[in-house]
N, C-alpha and C. Protein backbone atom coordinates (compact mmCIF):
# COMPACT_ATOMS: atom_id res chain seq x y z
N UNK A 1 22.51 24.23 13.24
CA UNK A 1 23.17 23.59 12.23
C UNK A 1 23.18 22.09 12.28
N UNK A 2 23.12 21.63 13.49
CA UNK A 2 23.79 20.64 14.09
C UNK A 2 22.22 19.56 13.34
N UNK A 3 21.23 20.35 13.73
CA UNK A 3 19.79 19.40 13.30
C UNK A 3 19.34 19.81 11.93
N UNK A 4 19.99 20.64 11.14
CA UNK A 4 19.40 20.40 9.55
C UNK A 4 20.82 19.40 8.84
N UNK A 5 21.94 19.42 9.63
CA UNK A 5 22.92 18.24 9.03
C UNK A 5 22.21 16.85 9.52
N UNK A 6 21.42 16.95 10.70
CA UNK A 6 20.98 15.45 10.82
C UNK A 6 19.79 15.04 9.90
N UNK A 7 19.06 16.13 9.46
CA UNK A 7 17.68 16.16 8.47
C UNK A 7 18.07 15.63 7.44
N UNK A 8 19.27 16.35 7.01
CA UNK A 8 19.71 16.04 5.74
C UNK A 8 20.86 14.70 5.58
N UNK A 9 21.48 14.05 6.58
CA UNK A 9 21.86 12.72 6.51
C UNK A 9 21.13 11.61 6.82
N UNK A 10 19.56 11.89 7.13
CA UNK A 10 18.69 10.73 7.21
C UNK A 10 18.46 10.07 6.13
N UNK A 11 18.92 8.67 6.20
CA UNK A 11 18.38 7.99 4.72
C UNK A 11 17.43 7.98 3.83
N UNK A 12 16.01 8.54 4.29
CA UNK A 12 14.86 8.48 3.17
C UNK A 12 15.35 10.05 2.63
N UNK A 13 15.79 11.40 3.08
CA UNK A 13 16.08 12.44 2.28
C UNK A 13 16.96 12.24 0.94
N UNK A 14 18.30 11.61 1.77
CA UNK A 14 19.17 11.07 0.98
C UNK A 14 18.77 10.28 -0.31
N UNK A 15 17.94 9.02 -0.17
CA UNK A 15 17.23 8.52 -1.07
C UNK A 15 16.70 9.08 -1.83
N UNK A 16 15.30 9.99 -1.29
CA UNK A 16 14.91 10.71 -2.25
C UNK A 16 15.41 11.59 -3.22
N UNK A 17 16.57 12.06 -2.84
CA UNK A 17 17.40 13.16 -3.51
C UNK A 17 18.07 12.15 -4.55
N UNK A 18 18.72 11.22 -4.27
CA UNK A 18 19.10 10.33 -5.28
C UNK A 18 17.89 10.13 -6.56
N UNK A 19 16.93 9.66 -5.98
CA UNK A 19 15.94 9.24 -6.83
C UNK A 19 15.61 10.14 -7.82
N UNK A 20 15.17 11.52 -7.39
CA UNK A 20 15.01 12.25 -8.08
C UNK A 20 16.03 12.71 -9.30
N UNK A 21 17.32 13.12 -8.79
CA UNK A 21 18.12 12.92 -9.73
C UNK A 21 18.61 12.06 -10.75
N UNK A 22 18.34 10.61 -10.61
CA UNK A 22 18.26 9.30 -11.48
C UNK A 22 17.31 9.59 -12.57
N UNK A 23 16.07 10.24 -11.79
CA UNK A 23 14.85 10.33 -12.72
C UNK A 23 15.19 11.01 -13.54
N UNK A 24 15.74 12.38 -13.42
CA UNK A 24 16.07 13.30 -14.28
C UNK A 24 16.99 13.00 -15.23
N UNK A 25 17.82 12.49 -14.99
CA UNK A 25 19.08 12.16 -15.62
C UNK A 25 18.23 11.30 -16.67
N UNK A 26 17.35 10.15 -16.29
CA UNK A 26 16.93 9.08 -17.07
C UNK A 26 15.79 9.76 -18.17
N UNK A 27 15.11 11.07 -17.43
CA UNK A 27 14.32 11.67 -18.64
C UNK A 27 14.97 12.51 -19.28
N UNK A 28 16.10 12.83 -19.19
CA UNK A 28 16.73 13.52 -20.34
C UNK A 28 17.45 12.75 -21.04
N UNK A 29 17.57 11.51 -20.87
CA UNK A 29 18.52 10.02 -21.51
C UNK A 29 17.11 9.56 -22.67
N UNK A 30 16.10 9.63 -22.21
CA UNK A 30 14.91 9.02 -22.93
C UNK A 30 14.57 10.45 -23.75
N UNK A 31 14.59 11.66 -23.55
CA UNK A 31 14.56 12.53 -24.81
C UNK A 31 15.72 12.49 -25.74
N UNK A 32 16.91 12.52 -25.11
CA UNK A 32 17.53 12.30 -26.19
C UNK A 32 17.42 11.25 -27.11
N UNK A 33 17.27 9.94 -26.44
CA UNK A 33 17.29 9.08 -27.84
C UNK A 33 16.05 9.43 -28.31
N UNK A 34 14.85 9.85 -28.05
CA UNK A 34 13.64 9.90 -28.81
C UNK A 34 14.21 11.03 -30.13
N UNK A 35 14.48 12.27 -29.77
CA UNK A 35 15.08 13.16 -30.64
C UNK A 35 15.96 12.76 -31.48
N UNK A 36 17.16 12.11 -31.20
CA UNK A 36 18.19 12.12 -31.84
C UNK A 36 18.48 10.83 -32.41
N UNK A 37 17.52 9.78 -31.97
CA UNK A 37 17.78 8.50 -32.64
C UNK A 37 16.25 7.61 -33.27
N UNK A 38 15.27 8.01 -32.44
CA UNK A 38 13.95 7.45 -33.11
C UNK A 38 13.02 8.28 -33.72
N UNK A 39 12.91 9.44 -33.48
CA UNK A 39 11.90 10.37 -34.54
C UNK A 39 12.91 10.61 -35.80
N UNK A 40 13.95 10.51 -36.14
CA UNK A 40 15.07 10.60 -37.22
C UNK A 40 14.45 9.36 -38.08
N UNK A 41 14.75 8.35 -37.48
CA UNK A 41 14.43 6.86 -38.34
C UNK A 41 13.00 6.83 -38.62
N UNK A 42 11.91 7.75 -37.45
CA UNK A 42 10.44 7.88 -38.25
C UNK A 42 10.43 8.58 -39.67
N UNK A 43 11.40 9.73 -39.47
CA UNK A 43 11.46 10.75 -40.59
C UNK A 43 11.61 10.03 -41.56
N UNK A 44 12.66 9.19 -41.65
CA UNK A 44 13.13 8.27 -42.99
C UNK A 44 11.88 7.74 -43.81
N UNK A 45 11.25 7.01 -43.06
CA UNK A 45 9.70 6.39 -43.98
C UNK A 45 8.75 7.83 -43.58
N UNK A 46 8.77 8.55 -43.35
CA UNK A 46 7.81 10.00 -43.55
C UNK A 46 8.31 10.52 -45.05
N UNK A 47 9.93 10.74 -45.08
CA UNK A 47 10.37 11.49 -46.08
C UNK A 47 10.46 12.64 -45.59
N UNK A 48 10.60 13.01 -44.09
CA UNK A 48 10.86 13.98 -43.27
C UNK A 48 12.40 14.26 -42.92
N UNK A 49 13.51 15.02 -43.19
CA UNK A 49 14.64 14.78 -42.67
C UNK A 49 14.58 14.89 -41.14
N UNK A 50 14.10 15.99 -40.51
CA UNK A 50 13.75 16.35 -39.32
C UNK A 50 12.65 16.19 -38.87
N UNK A 51 12.39 14.54 -37.96
CA UNK A 51 10.76 14.61 -38.05
C UNK A 51 10.53 15.50 -36.71
N UNK A 52 11.30 16.10 -35.52
CA UNK A 52 10.64 17.15 -34.70
C UNK A 52 10.83 18.36 -35.25
N UNK A 53 11.02 18.67 -36.41
CA UNK A 53 10.85 20.00 -37.14
C UNK A 53 9.62 19.98 -38.00
N UNK A 54 8.96 19.11 -38.07
CA UNK A 54 7.34 18.89 -38.52
C UNK A 54 6.73 19.80 -37.93
N UNK A 55 5.78 20.55 -38.84
CA UNK A 55 4.94 21.68 -38.01
C UNK A 55 3.78 21.97 -39.23
N UNK A 56 3.03 22.59 -38.71
CA UNK A 56 2.26 23.43 -39.71
C UNK A 56 1.23 24.50 -39.13
N UNK A 57 1.14 25.61 -39.97
CA UNK A 57 0.56 26.82 -39.54
C UNK A 57 -0.64 27.17 -39.71
N UNK A 58 -1.53 27.99 -39.04
CA UNK A 58 -2.97 28.09 -39.47
C UNK A 58 -2.92 29.93 -38.98
N UNK A 59 -3.38 30.39 -40.10
CA UNK A 59 -3.50 32.05 -39.43
C UNK A 59 -1.98 32.60 -38.91
N UNK A 60 -1.17 32.17 -39.69
CA UNK A 60 0.06 32.92 -38.77
C UNK A 60 0.85 31.87 -37.50
N UNK A 61 -0.15 31.51 -37.26
CA UNK A 61 0.39 30.62 -36.03
C UNK A 61 0.95 29.22 -36.12
N UNK A 62 2.26 28.95 -35.50
CA UNK A 62 2.80 27.96 -35.81
C UNK A 62 2.45 26.86 -34.65
N UNK A 63 1.99 25.58 -35.18
CA UNK A 63 2.00 24.10 -34.41
C UNK A 63 3.19 23.15 -34.47
N UNK A 64 4.00 23.31 -33.62
CA UNK A 64 4.78 22.01 -33.60
C UNK A 64 4.64 21.06 -33.30
N UNK A 65 4.21 20.17 -34.41
CA UNK A 65 3.33 18.82 -33.86
C UNK A 65 4.77 17.81 -33.75
N UNK A 66 5.82 17.65 -34.35
CA UNK A 66 7.17 17.10 -34.35
C UNK A 66 7.42 17.07 -33.02
N UNK A 67 7.59 18.51 -32.49
CA UNK A 67 7.95 18.52 -31.36
C UNK A 67 6.93 17.73 -30.23
N UNK A 68 5.62 17.77 -30.51
CA UNK A 68 4.91 16.94 -29.38
C UNK A 68 4.70 15.41 -29.37
N UNK A 69 5.04 15.10 -30.72
CA UNK A 69 5.22 13.84 -30.71
C UNK A 69 6.24 12.92 -30.37
N UNK A 70 7.38 14.06 -30.15
CA UNK A 70 8.76 13.68 -29.19
C UNK A 70 8.63 13.66 -28.29
N UNK A 71 7.77 14.27 -27.37
CA UNK A 71 7.44 14.38 -25.98
C UNK A 71 6.19 13.11 -25.71
N UNK A 72 5.44 13.06 -26.90
CA UNK A 72 4.42 11.73 -26.24
C UNK A 72 5.37 10.74 -26.34
N UNK A 73 6.45 10.37 -27.71
CA UNK A 73 7.07 9.15 -27.29
C UNK A 73 7.91 8.98 -26.13
N UNK A 74 8.51 9.89 -25.66
CA UNK A 74 9.50 9.84 -24.35
C UNK A 74 8.84 9.72 -23.38
N UNK A 75 7.57 10.21 -23.15
CA UNK A 75 6.34 9.85 -22.10
C UNK A 75 6.26 8.49 -22.11
N UNK A 76 5.97 7.79 -23.46
CA UNK A 76 5.87 6.34 -23.20
C UNK A 76 6.85 5.66 -23.30
N UNK A 77 8.05 5.93 -23.65
CA UNK A 77 8.84 4.99 -23.19
C UNK A 77 9.52 4.81 -21.77
N UNK A 78 9.27 6.16 -21.42
CA UNK A 78 9.49 6.05 -19.65
C UNK A 78 8.72 5.53 -19.23
N UNK A 79 7.04 5.65 -19.23
CA UNK A 79 6.07 5.05 -18.50
C UNK A 79 6.37 3.51 -18.91
N UNK A 80 6.86 2.78 -20.04
CA UNK A 80 6.77 1.71 -20.16
C UNK A 80 7.97 1.25 -19.36
N UNK A 81 9.22 1.86 -19.14
CA UNK A 81 10.15 1.12 -18.83
C UNK A 81 9.93 1.39 -17.27
N UNK A 82 9.30 2.31 -16.49
CA UNK A 82 8.98 2.27 -15.28
C UNK A 82 7.90 1.18 -15.01
N UNK A 83 6.93 1.04 -15.92
CA UNK A 83 6.10 0.03 -15.45
C UNK A 83 6.95 -1.56 -15.55
N UNK A 84 7.37 -2.15 -16.37
CA UNK A 84 8.39 -3.22 -16.91
C UNK A 84 9.80 -3.54 -15.77
N UNK A 85 10.33 -2.19 -15.33
CA UNK A 85 11.60 -2.42 -14.59
C UNK A 85 10.93 -2.26 -13.29
N UNK A 86 9.83 -1.41 -12.87
CA UNK A 86 9.75 -1.04 -11.33
C UNK A 86 8.45 -1.36 -11.04
N UNK A 87 7.29 -1.18 -10.91
CA UNK A 87 5.91 -1.80 -10.83
C UNK A 87 5.85 -3.13 -11.05
N UNK A 88 5.75 -3.52 -11.98
CA UNK A 88 5.65 -4.84 -12.14
C UNK A 88 6.53 -6.07 -11.54
N UNK A 89 7.85 -5.90 -10.96
CA UNK A 89 9.08 -6.39 -10.07
C UNK A 89 8.67 -6.45 -8.65
N UNK A 90 7.92 -5.37 -8.40
CA UNK A 90 7.64 -4.54 -7.07
C UNK A 90 6.18 -5.71 -6.59
N UNK A 91 5.28 -5.60 -7.71
CA UNK A 91 3.79 -6.32 -7.58
C UNK A 91 4.50 -7.57 -7.75
N UNK A 92 5.35 -7.99 -8.08
CA UNK A 92 5.44 -9.97 -7.93
C UNK A 92 5.85 -10.16 -6.91
N UNK A 93 6.57 -9.15 -6.12
CA UNK A 93 7.31 -9.25 -4.92
C UNK A 93 6.68 -9.51 -4.01
N UNK A 94 5.63 -8.14 -3.91
CA UNK A 94 4.48 -8.07 -2.86
C UNK A 94 3.66 -9.03 -2.85
N UNK A 95 3.04 -9.70 -3.87
CA UNK A 95 2.20 -10.64 -4.05
C UNK A 95 3.04 -12.11 -3.47
N UNK A 96 4.40 -12.19 -3.42
CA UNK A 96 5.05 -13.28 -3.08
C UNK A 96 4.89 -13.47 -1.66
N UNK A 97 5.22 -12.06 -0.64
CA UNK A 97 5.40 -12.11 0.31
C UNK A 97 4.43 -11.67 1.12
N UNK A 98 2.78 -11.49 0.54
CA UNK A 98 1.39 -11.41 0.63
C UNK A 98 1.48 -12.89 2.23
N UNK A 99 0.62 -12.20 3.34
CA UNK A 99 0.38 -13.42 4.17
C UNK A 99 -1.28 -13.55 3.67
N UNK A 100 -1.63 -14.32 3.70
CA UNK A 100 -2.71 -15.31 3.81
C UNK A 100 -3.99 -14.63 4.79
N UNK A 101 -5.04 -14.49 4.35
CA UNK A 101 -5.90 -13.76 5.65
C UNK A 101 -5.98 -15.13 6.64
N UNK A 102 -6.25 -15.07 7.67
CA UNK A 102 -6.53 -16.16 8.90
C UNK A 102 -7.98 -16.95 8.36
N UNK A 103 -8.15 -18.10 8.58
CA UNK A 103 -9.77 -18.62 7.91
C UNK A 103 -10.04 -18.07 9.07
N UNK A 104 -11.64 -18.04 8.85
CA UNK A 104 -12.78 -17.28 9.64
C UNK A 104 -13.04 -18.62 10.47
N UNK A 105 -13.69 -18.18 12.01
CA UNK A 105 -13.77 -19.51 12.75
C UNK A 105 -15.21 -19.62 12.54
N UNK A 106 -15.66 -20.71 12.42
CA UNK A 106 -17.37 -21.29 12.09
C UNK A 106 -18.32 -20.54 13.33
N UNK A 107 -19.31 -20.19 12.81
CA UNK A 107 -19.69 -19.48 13.79
C UNK A 107 -21.42 -19.95 13.71
N UNK A 108 -22.07 -19.28 14.69
CA UNK A 108 -23.53 -19.83 14.58
C UNK A 108 -24.15 -18.63 15.22
N UNK A 109 -25.79 -18.75 15.46
CA UNK A 109 -26.53 -17.38 15.72
C UNK A 109 -26.83 -17.89 17.32
N UNK A 110 -26.86 -16.93 17.89
CA UNK A 110 -27.26 -16.90 19.50
C UNK A 110 -28.92 -16.87 19.55
N UNK A 111 -29.16 -17.92 20.22
CA UNK A 111 -30.92 -18.20 20.13
C UNK A 111 -31.67 -17.34 20.96
N UNK A 112 -30.94 -15.92 21.51
CA UNK A 112 -31.95 -15.01 22.06
C UNK A 112 -31.54 -13.60 21.44
N UNK A 113 -30.17 -13.06 20.98
CA UNK A 113 -30.16 -11.76 20.07
C UNK A 113 -29.90 -12.40 18.62
N UNK A 114 -29.91 -13.57 18.21
CA UNK A 114 -29.48 -13.89 16.66
C UNK A 114 -28.24 -13.09 16.35
N UNK A 115 -27.11 -12.77 17.27
CA UNK A 115 -26.22 -12.27 16.49
C UNK A 115 -25.44 -13.57 16.46
N UNK A 116 -24.19 -13.17 15.58
CA UNK A 116 -22.89 -14.44 15.28
C UNK A 116 -22.35 -14.57 16.41
N UNK A 117 -21.89 -15.86 16.84
CA UNK A 117 -21.15 -16.29 17.92
C UNK A 117 -20.34 -17.24 17.37
N UNK A 118 -18.92 -17.08 17.92
CA UNK A 118 -18.60 -18.55 17.60
C UNK A 118 -18.75 -19.68 18.10
N UNK A 119 -18.89 -20.97 17.35
CA UNK A 119 -19.38 -22.49 17.48
C UNK A 119 -19.24 -22.74 18.99
N UNK A 120 -18.28 -23.01 19.30
CA UNK A 120 -17.47 -23.43 20.95
C UNK A 120 -17.92 -22.51 22.29
N UNK A 121 -18.64 -21.23 21.62
CA UNK A 121 -19.00 -20.32 23.03
C UNK A 121 -19.87 -20.90 23.65
N UNK A 122 -19.95 -20.72 24.81
CA UNK A 122 -21.31 -21.16 25.74
C UNK A 122 -21.73 -19.71 26.63
N UNK A 123 -21.21 -18.67 26.09
CA UNK A 123 -22.26 -17.37 26.48
C UNK A 123 -22.15 -16.54 25.06
N UNK A 124 -23.39 -15.78 25.10
CA UNK A 124 -23.16 -14.81 23.67
C UNK A 124 -22.51 -13.84 24.22
N UNK A 125 -21.90 -12.96 23.72
CA UNK A 125 -20.57 -12.12 23.77
C UNK A 125 -21.81 -10.61 23.69
N UNK A 126 -22.71 -10.80 23.49
CA UNK A 126 -23.54 -9.39 23.18
C UNK A 126 -24.84 -9.23 23.86
N UNK A 127 -25.30 -10.51 24.25
CA UNK A 127 -26.34 -10.48 25.26
C UNK A 127 -26.40 -11.41 26.47
N UNK A 128 -24.85 -11.55 26.38
CA UNK A 128 -24.42 -12.53 27.75
C UNK A 128 -25.25 -13.85 27.88
N UNK A 129 -26.20 -14.17 27.14
CA UNK A 129 -26.98 -15.25 27.45
C UNK A 129 -26.60 -16.56 27.49
N UNK A 130 -26.86 -17.74 28.00
CA UNK A 130 -25.96 -18.87 28.07
C UNK A 130 -26.71 -19.52 27.07
N UNK A 131 -25.51 -20.27 26.33
CA UNK A 131 -26.01 -20.79 25.21
C UNK A 131 -25.42 -22.13 25.19
N UNK A 132 -26.23 -23.39 24.81
CA UNK A 132 -26.00 -24.40 24.70
C UNK A 132 -24.74 -24.71 24.06
N UNK A 133 -23.79 -25.89 24.44
CA UNK A 133 -23.07 -25.97 23.35
C UNK A 133 -23.28 -26.62 22.37
N UNK A 134 -22.37 -26.22 21.01
CA UNK A 134 -22.74 -26.55 19.92
C UNK A 134 -22.21 -28.16 19.58
N UNK A 135 -23.48 -29.05 19.24
CA UNK A 135 -23.42 -30.47 19.11
C UNK A 135 -21.89 -31.05 17.94
């Protein structure tokens, strides 16, 4: 039991569990917002009292298009919130702390093997030929 307790109490496992629970709660919140506030408001303009009950049938098969539209709207709201409140700020933060790549040292060609060597080199690292210093 000691090993299991240490595993559970590690920071990243607890953080992941909290993130999953918050994500599920946020998903339920967006679903409730969509079903109880947003689609009834859209139903007012469409002349339908309960937008989520909007459906049609073909040969006795019922297609619940209102429930599908609710799910699409909830997905789009969740994706937009995640993008603007998580992805965009993290990208901005990462861009701020990104280090610039080191500038490349000037190079020249070795007269013997034609490989690229630093300008200050006096011997080629590839063919070990003596190279006159650059002027």
